[in-house]
C-alpha atoms as a PDB file:
ATOM      1  CA  UNK A   1       0.129   0.183  -0.044  1.00  0.00           C
ATOM      2  CA  UNK A   2       1.413   3.390  -1.095  1.00  0.00           C
ATOM      3  CA  UNK A   3       2.137   5.988   1.800  1.00  0.00           C
ATOM      4  CA  UNK A   4       0.127   9.010   1.774  1.00  0.00           C
ATOM      5  CA  UNK A   5       1.524  12.024   0.130  1.00  0.00           C
ATOM      6  CA  UNK A   6       2.856  14.725   2.341  1.00  0.00           C
ATOM      7  CA  UNK A   7       1.543  18.182   2.027  1.00  0.00           C
ATOM      8  CA  UNK A   8       3.837  20.968   0.543  1.00  0.00           C
ATOM      9  CA  UNK A   9       3.402  22.959   3.712  1.00  0.00           C
ATOM     10  CA  UNK A  10       4.676  19.880   5.918  1.00  0.00           C
ATOM     11  CA  UNK A  11       7.502  19.103   3.748  1.00  0.00           C
ATOM     12  CA  UNK A  12       8.490  22.872   3.675  1.00  0.00           C
ATOM     13  CA  UNK A  13       8.658  22.810   7.475  1.00  0.00           C
ATOM     14  CA  UNK A  14      10.665  19.423   7.530  1.00  0.00           C
ATOM     15  CA  UNK A  15      13.296  20.856   5.379  1.00  0.00           C
ATOM     16  CA  UNK A  16      13.607  24.203   7.168  1.00  0.00           C
ATOM     17  CA  UNK A  17      13.882  22.164  10.335  1.00  0.00           C
ATOM     18  CA  UNK A  18      16.333  20.131   8.941  1.00  0.00           C
ATOM     19  CA  UNK A  19      18.241  23.082   7.633  1.00  0.00           C
ATOM     20  CA  UNK A  20      18.178  24.896  11.177  1.00  0.00           C
ATOM     21  CA  UNK A  21      19.268  21.515  12.976  1.00  0.00           C
ATOM     22  CA  UNK A  22      22.026  21.159  10.269  1.00  0.00           C
ATOM     23  CA  UNK A  23      23.566  25.120  10.543  1.00  0.00           C
ATOM     24  CA  UNK A  24      23.422  24.771  14.554  1.00  0.00           C
ATOM     25  CA  UNK A  25      25.581  21.584  14.622  1.00  0.00           C
ATOM     26  CA  UNK A  26      28.026  23.312  12.256  1.00  0.00           C
ATOM     27  CA  UNK A  27      28.061  26.291  14.264  1.00  0.00           C
ATOM     28  CA  UNK A  28      28.596  24.428  17.469  1.00  0.00           C
ATOM     29  CA  UNK A  29      30.996  21.760  16.710  1.00  0.00           C
ATOM     30  CA  UNK A  30      32.597  22.802  12.931  1.00  0.00           C
ATOM     31  CA  UNK A  31      32.762  26.360  12.217  1.00  0.00           C
ATOM     32  CA  UNK A  32      32.265  29.869  13.591  1.00  0.00           C
ATOM     33  CA  UNK A  33      32.551  33.475  12.233  1.00  0.00           C
ATOM     34  CA  UNK A  34      33.820  35.908  14.392  1.00  0.00           C
ATOM     35  CA  UNK A  35      34.918  39.895  13.968  1.00  0.00           C
ATOM     36  CA  UNK A  36      38.201  41.570  14.262  1.00  0.00           C
ATOM     37  CA  UNK A  37      37.943  44.435  16.813  1.00  0.00           C
ATOM     38  CA  UNK A  38      41.301  46.353  17.372  1.00  0.00           C
ATOM     39  CA  UNK A  39      44.627  46.656  15.922  1.00  0.00           C
ATOM     40  CA  UNK A  40      46.573  43.985  18.096  1.00  0.00           C
ATOM     41  CA  UNK A  41      46.733  41.599  15.036  1.00  0.00           C
ATOM     42  CA  UNK A  42      47.929  44.044  12.716  1.00  0.00           C
ATOM     43  CA  UNK A  43      49.107  43.527   9.711  1.00  0.00           C
ATOM     44  CA  UNK A  44      47.600  40.164   9.680  1.00  0.00           C
ATOM     45  CA  UNK A  45      44.224  41.210  10.628  1.00  0.00           C
ATOM     46  CA  UNK A  46      42.515  44.251  10.661  1.00  0.00           C
ATOM     47  CA  UNK A  47      39.507  45.880  12.602  1.00  0.00           C
ATOM     48  CA  UNK A  48      36.103  45.128  10.945  1.00  0.00           C
ATOM     49  CA  UNK A  49      37.574  41.959   8.874  1.00  0.00           C
ATOM     50  CA  UNK A  50      35.228  38.795   9.609  1.00  0.00           C
ATOM     51  CA  UNK A  51      36.867  35.155   9.898  1.00  0.00           C
ATOM     52  CA  UNK A  52      35.934  31.841   9.906  1.00  0.00           C
ATOM     53  CA  UNK A  53      37.035  29.687  12.612  1.00  0.00           C
ATOM     54  CA  UNK A  54      37.923  26.143  12.443  1.00  0.00           C
ATOM     55  CA  UNK A  55      36.248  24.918  16.053  1.00  0.00           C
ATOM     56  CA  UNK A  56      36.760  21.124  15.248  1.00  0.00           C
ATOM     57  CA  UNK A  57      40.687  21.143  14.529  1.00  0.00           C
ATOM     58  CA  UNK A  58      41.560  21.356  18.423  1.00  0.00           C
ATOM     59  CA  UNK A  59      39.163  18.411  19.121  1.00  0.00           C
ATOM     60  CA  UNK A  60      41.629  16.416  17.197  1.00  0.00           C
ATOM     61  CA  UNK A  61      44.887  18.120  18.108  1.00  0.00           C
ATOM     62  CA  UNK A  62      46.425  20.663  20.294  1.00  0.00           C
ATOM     63  CA  UNK A  63      47.155  24.518  18.826  1.00  0.00           C
ATOM     64  CA  UNK A  64      50.469  24.597  17.275  1.00  0.00           C
ATOM     65  CA  UNK A  65      53.084  27.671  17.510  1.00  0.00           C
ATOM     66  CA  UNK A  66      52.518  30.385  15.181  1.00  0.00           C
ATOM     67  CA  UNK A  67      48.747  29.627  14.884  1.00  0.00           C
ATOM     68  CA  UNK A  68      46.151  32.714  14.965  1.00  0.00           C
ATOM     69  CA  UNK A  69      43.571  31.566  17.367  1.00  0.00           C
ATOM     70  CA  UNK A  70      40.645  32.863  19.058  1.00  0.00           C
ATOM     71  CA  UNK A  71      39.920  32.565  22.632  1.00  0.00           C
ATOM     72  CA  UNK A  72      37.685  33.413  25.903  1.00  0.00           C
ATOM     73  CA  UNK A  73      39.625  36.120  27.934  1.00  0.00           C
ATOM     74  CA  UNK A  74      40.479  33.968  31.027  1.00  0.00           C
ATOM     75  CA  UNK A  75      40.007  37.164  33.155  1.00  0.00           C
ATOM     76  CA  UNK A  76      36.572  38.345  31.320  1.00  0.00           C
ATOM     77  CA  UNK A  77      35.148  34.926  29.706  1.00  0.00           C
ATOM     78  CA  UNK A  78      32.386  37.045  27.891  1.00  0.00           C
ATOM     79  CA  UNK A  79      35.109  38.708  25.658  1.00  0.00           C
ATOM     80  CA  UNK A  80      37.046  36.896  22.931  1.00  0.00           C
ATOM     81  CA  UNK A  81      40.390  37.472  21.890  1.00  0.00           C
ATOM     82  CA  UNK A  82      42.252  36.790  18.429  1.00  0.00           C
ATOM     83  CA  UNK A  83      46.390  36.234  19.063  1.00  0.00           C
ATOM     84  CA  UNK A  84      49.242  34.044  17.800  1.00  0.00           C
ATOM     85  CA  UNK A  85      50.049  31.254  19.865  1.00  0.00           C
ATOM     86  CA  UNK A  86      53.474  31.204  20.676  1.00  0.00           C
ATOM     87  CA  UNK A  87      54.354  29.137  23.676  1.00  0.00           C
ATOM     88  CA  UNK A  88      52.698  25.627  24.280  1.00  0.00           C
ATOM     89  CA  UNK A  89      52.626  23.869  27.717  1.00  0.00           C
ATOM     90  CA  UNK A  90      55.981  23.223  29.120  1.00  0.00           C
ATOM     91  CA  UNK A  91      58.009  25.913  26.932  1.00  0.00           C
ATOM     92  CA  UNK A  92      60.305  28.390  27.873  1.00  0.00           C
ATOM     93  CA  UNK A  93      59.625  31.823  26.662  1.00  0.00           C
ATOM     94  CA  UNK A  94      61.454  35.099  27.153  1.00  0.00           C
ATOM     95  CA  UNK A  95      61.393  38.387  25.102  1.00  0.00           C
ATOM     96  CA  UNK A  96      64.840  40.386  24.839  1.00  0.00           C
ATOM     97  CA  UNK A  97      64.881  43.840  23.089  1.00  0.00           C
ATOM     98  CA  UNK A  98      61.588  42.576  21.199  1.00  0.00           C
ATOM     99  CA  UNK A  99      63.157  39.414  19.973  1.00  0.00           C
ATOM    100  CA  UNK A 100      61.115  36.400  21.349  1.00  0.00           C
ATOM    101  CA  UNK A 101      63.334  33.245  22.497  1.00  0.00           C
ATOM    102  CA  UNK A 102      61.526  29.860  22.794  1.00  0.00           C
ATOM    103  CA  UNK A 103      63.228  27.106  24.529  1.00  0.00           C
ATOM    104  CA  UNK A 104      66.595  29.287  24.501  1.00  0.00           C
ATOM    105  CA  UNK A 105      66.182  29.738  20.704  1.00  0.00           C
ATOM    106  CA  UNK A 106      65.054  32.630  18.380  1.00  0.00           C
ATOM    107  CA  UNK A 107      61.360  32.299  17.474  1.00  0.00           C
ATOM    108  CA  UNK A 108      61.292  33.403  13.722  1.00  0.00           C
ATOM    109  CA  UNK A 109      58.402  35.653  13.258  1.00  0.00           C
ATOM    110  CA  UNK A 110      57.718  37.493   9.818  1.00  0.00           C
ATOM    111  CA  UNK A 111      54.303  38.752  10.570  1.00  0.00           C
ATOM    112  CA  UNK A 112      55.102  41.807  13.065  1.00  0.00           C
ATOM    113  CA  UNK A 113      53.960  45.250  12.243  1.00  0.00           C
ATOM    114  CA  UNK A 114      56.399  47.082  14.022  1.00  0.00           C
ATOM    115  CA  UNK A 115      58.956  45.444  15.962  1.00  0.00           C
ATOM    116  CA  UNK A 116      58.798  46.661  19.692  1.00  0.00           C
ATOM    117  CA  UNK A 117      62.007  46.695  21.890  1.00  0.00           C
ATOM    118  CA  UNK A 118      60.129  45.311  24.993  1.00  0.00           C
ATOM    119  CA  UNK A 119      61.377  42.651  27.405  1.00  0.00           C
ATOM    120  CA  UNK A 120      59.873  39.700  29.258  1.00  0.00           C
ATOM    121  CA  UNK A 121      61.525  37.500  31.551  1.00  0.00           C
ATOM    122  CA  UNK A 122      61.993  33.783  31.055  1.00  0.00           C
ATOM    123  CA  UNK A 123      58.778  32.071  32.061  1.00  0.00           C
ATOM    124  CA  UNK A 124      57.749  28.649  31.573  1.00  0.00           C
ATOM    125  CA  UNK A 125      54.353  28.167  30.136  1.00  0.00           C
ATOM    126  CA  UNK A 126      51.888  26.227  32.843  1.00  0.00           C
ATOM    127  CA  UNK A 127      50.363  22.784  31.666  1.00  0.00           C
ATOM    128  CA  UNK A 128      47.458  22.948  29.732  1.00  0.00           C
ATOM    129  CA  UNK A 129      48.157  26.728  28.682  1.00  0.00           C
ATOM    130  CA  UNK A 130      49.456  28.646  26.044  1.00  0.00           C
ATOM    131  CA  UNK A 131      51.460  32.008  25.875  1.00  0.00           C
ATOM    132  CA  UNK A 132      50.220  34.124  22.941  1.00  0.00           C
ATOM    133  CA  UNK A 133      51.061  37.402  21.535  1.00  0.00           C
ATOM    134  CA  UNK A 134      49.519  39.914  19.157  1.00  0.00           C
ATOM    135  CA  UNK A 135      51.525  40.714  15.857  1.00  0.00           C
ATOM    136  CA  UNK A 136      51.339  44.706  16.727  1.00  0.00           C
ATOM    137  CA  UNK A 137      53.130  44.429  20.067  1.00  0.00           C
ATOM    138  CA  UNK A 138      52.922  48.014  20.635  1.00  0.00           C
ATOM    139  CA  UNK A 139      48.982  47.786  20.706  1.00  0.00           C
ATOM    140  CA  UNK A 140      48.477  44.198  22.207  1.00  0.00           C
ATOM    141  CA  UNK A 141      47.196  43.191  25.400  1.00  0.00           C
ATOM    142  CA  UNK A 142      48.373  39.663  25.354  1.00  0.00           C
ATOM    143  CA  UNK A 143      50.179  36.970  27.680  1.00  0.00           C
ATOM    144  CA  UNK A 144      52.944  39.554  28.582  1.00  0.00           C
ATOM    145  CA  UNK A 145      50.760  41.337  30.655  1.00  0.00           C
ATOM    146  CA  UNK A 146      48.867  40.280  34.136  1.00  0.00           C
ATOM    147  CA  UNK A 147      45.671  41.737  32.650  1.00  0.00           C
ATOM    148  CA  UNK A 148      45.466  38.653  30.240  1.00  0.00           C
ATOM    149  CA  UNK A 149      48.479  36.029  31.441  1.00  0.00           C
ATOM    150  CA  UNK A 150      48.617  32.447  30.041  1.00  0.00           C
ATOM    151  CA  UNK A 151      45.639  31.171  28.118  1.00  0.00           C
ATOM    152  CA  UNK A 152      43.934  27.749  29.476  1.00  0.00           C
ATOM    153  CA  UNK A 153      43.584  25.561  26.378  1.00  0.00           C
ATOM    154  CA  UNK A 154      39.973  24.991  27.372  1.00  0.00           C
ATOM    155  CA  UNK A 155      39.351  28.529  26.508  1.00  0.00           C
ATOM    156  CA  UNK A 156      40.411  28.315  23.042  1.00  0.00           C
ATOM    157  CA  UNK A 157      37.514  28.353  20.783  1.00  0.00           C
ATOM    158  CA  UNK A 158      39.257  27.599  17.344  1.00  0.00           C
ATOM    159  CA  UNK A 159      41.753  28.368  14.827  1.00  0.00           C
ATOM    160  CA  UNK A 160      41.320  31.457  12.473  1.00  0.00           C
ATOM    161  CA  UNK A 161      41.313  30.074   9.030  1.00  0.00           C
ATOM    162  CA  UNK A 162      39.941  32.532   6.506  1.00  0.00           C
ATOM    163  CA  UNK A 163      39.504  36.155   6.386  1.00  0.00           C
ATOM    164  CA  UNK A 164      35.969  36.346   4.184  1.00  0.00           C
ATOM    165  CA  UNK A 165      35.198  39.936   4.652  1.00  0.00           C
ATOM    166  CA  UNK A 166      35.361  42.676   3.357  1.00  0.00           C
ATOM    167  CA  UNK A 167      35.923  40.685  -0.173  1.00  0.00           C
ATOM    168  CA  UNK A 168      39.030  42.633  -1.271  1.00  0.00           C
ATOM    169  CA  UNK A 169      40.874  40.967   1.711  1.00  0.00           C
ATOM    170  CA  UNK A 170      39.637  37.272   1.139  1.00  0.00           C
ATOM    171  CA  UNK A 171      42.711  35.497   2.239  1.00  0.00           C
ATOM    172  CA  UNK A 172      43.715  32.310   4.519  1.00  0.00           C
ATOM    173  CA  UNK A 173      45.007  33.417   7.898  1.00  0.00           C
ATOM    174  CA  UNK A 174      48.814  32.968   8.081  1.00  0.00           C
END
């Protein structure tokens, strides 16, 4: 016996509900968008740019040195920050005359806006934490300062993967 045909209205409702559930699952577990607000990541990222975040990647592996990440501020979890992961758990990080040293070796950086001649004493990154820096060190609240400090891995929301807006800036985040 043939199944009765669904009404057009019911098919439309089922399609819309399915699409909403799928979109919610993707936004929750796979990809999210975020807005850049502030100069701390210039010249890599500028205020007003919109990014896609890969939220799934850090369920499969830990952040790597040099990746641009989005995370909840440990001191104010309602606020998201965008910075570059520099030190991983157990790494020794120091800054001398603006040069970053990681485990006693110079950490190569080719993304800085203006090198800043700052200093930071050698410090070991605690377990389950990251040391993060902005690319525009003169205008970045990052792990050098007590107002942010080390970032717990559990606060990391995802890896910035793509600038999608404005259209003339579409590019992979490096």
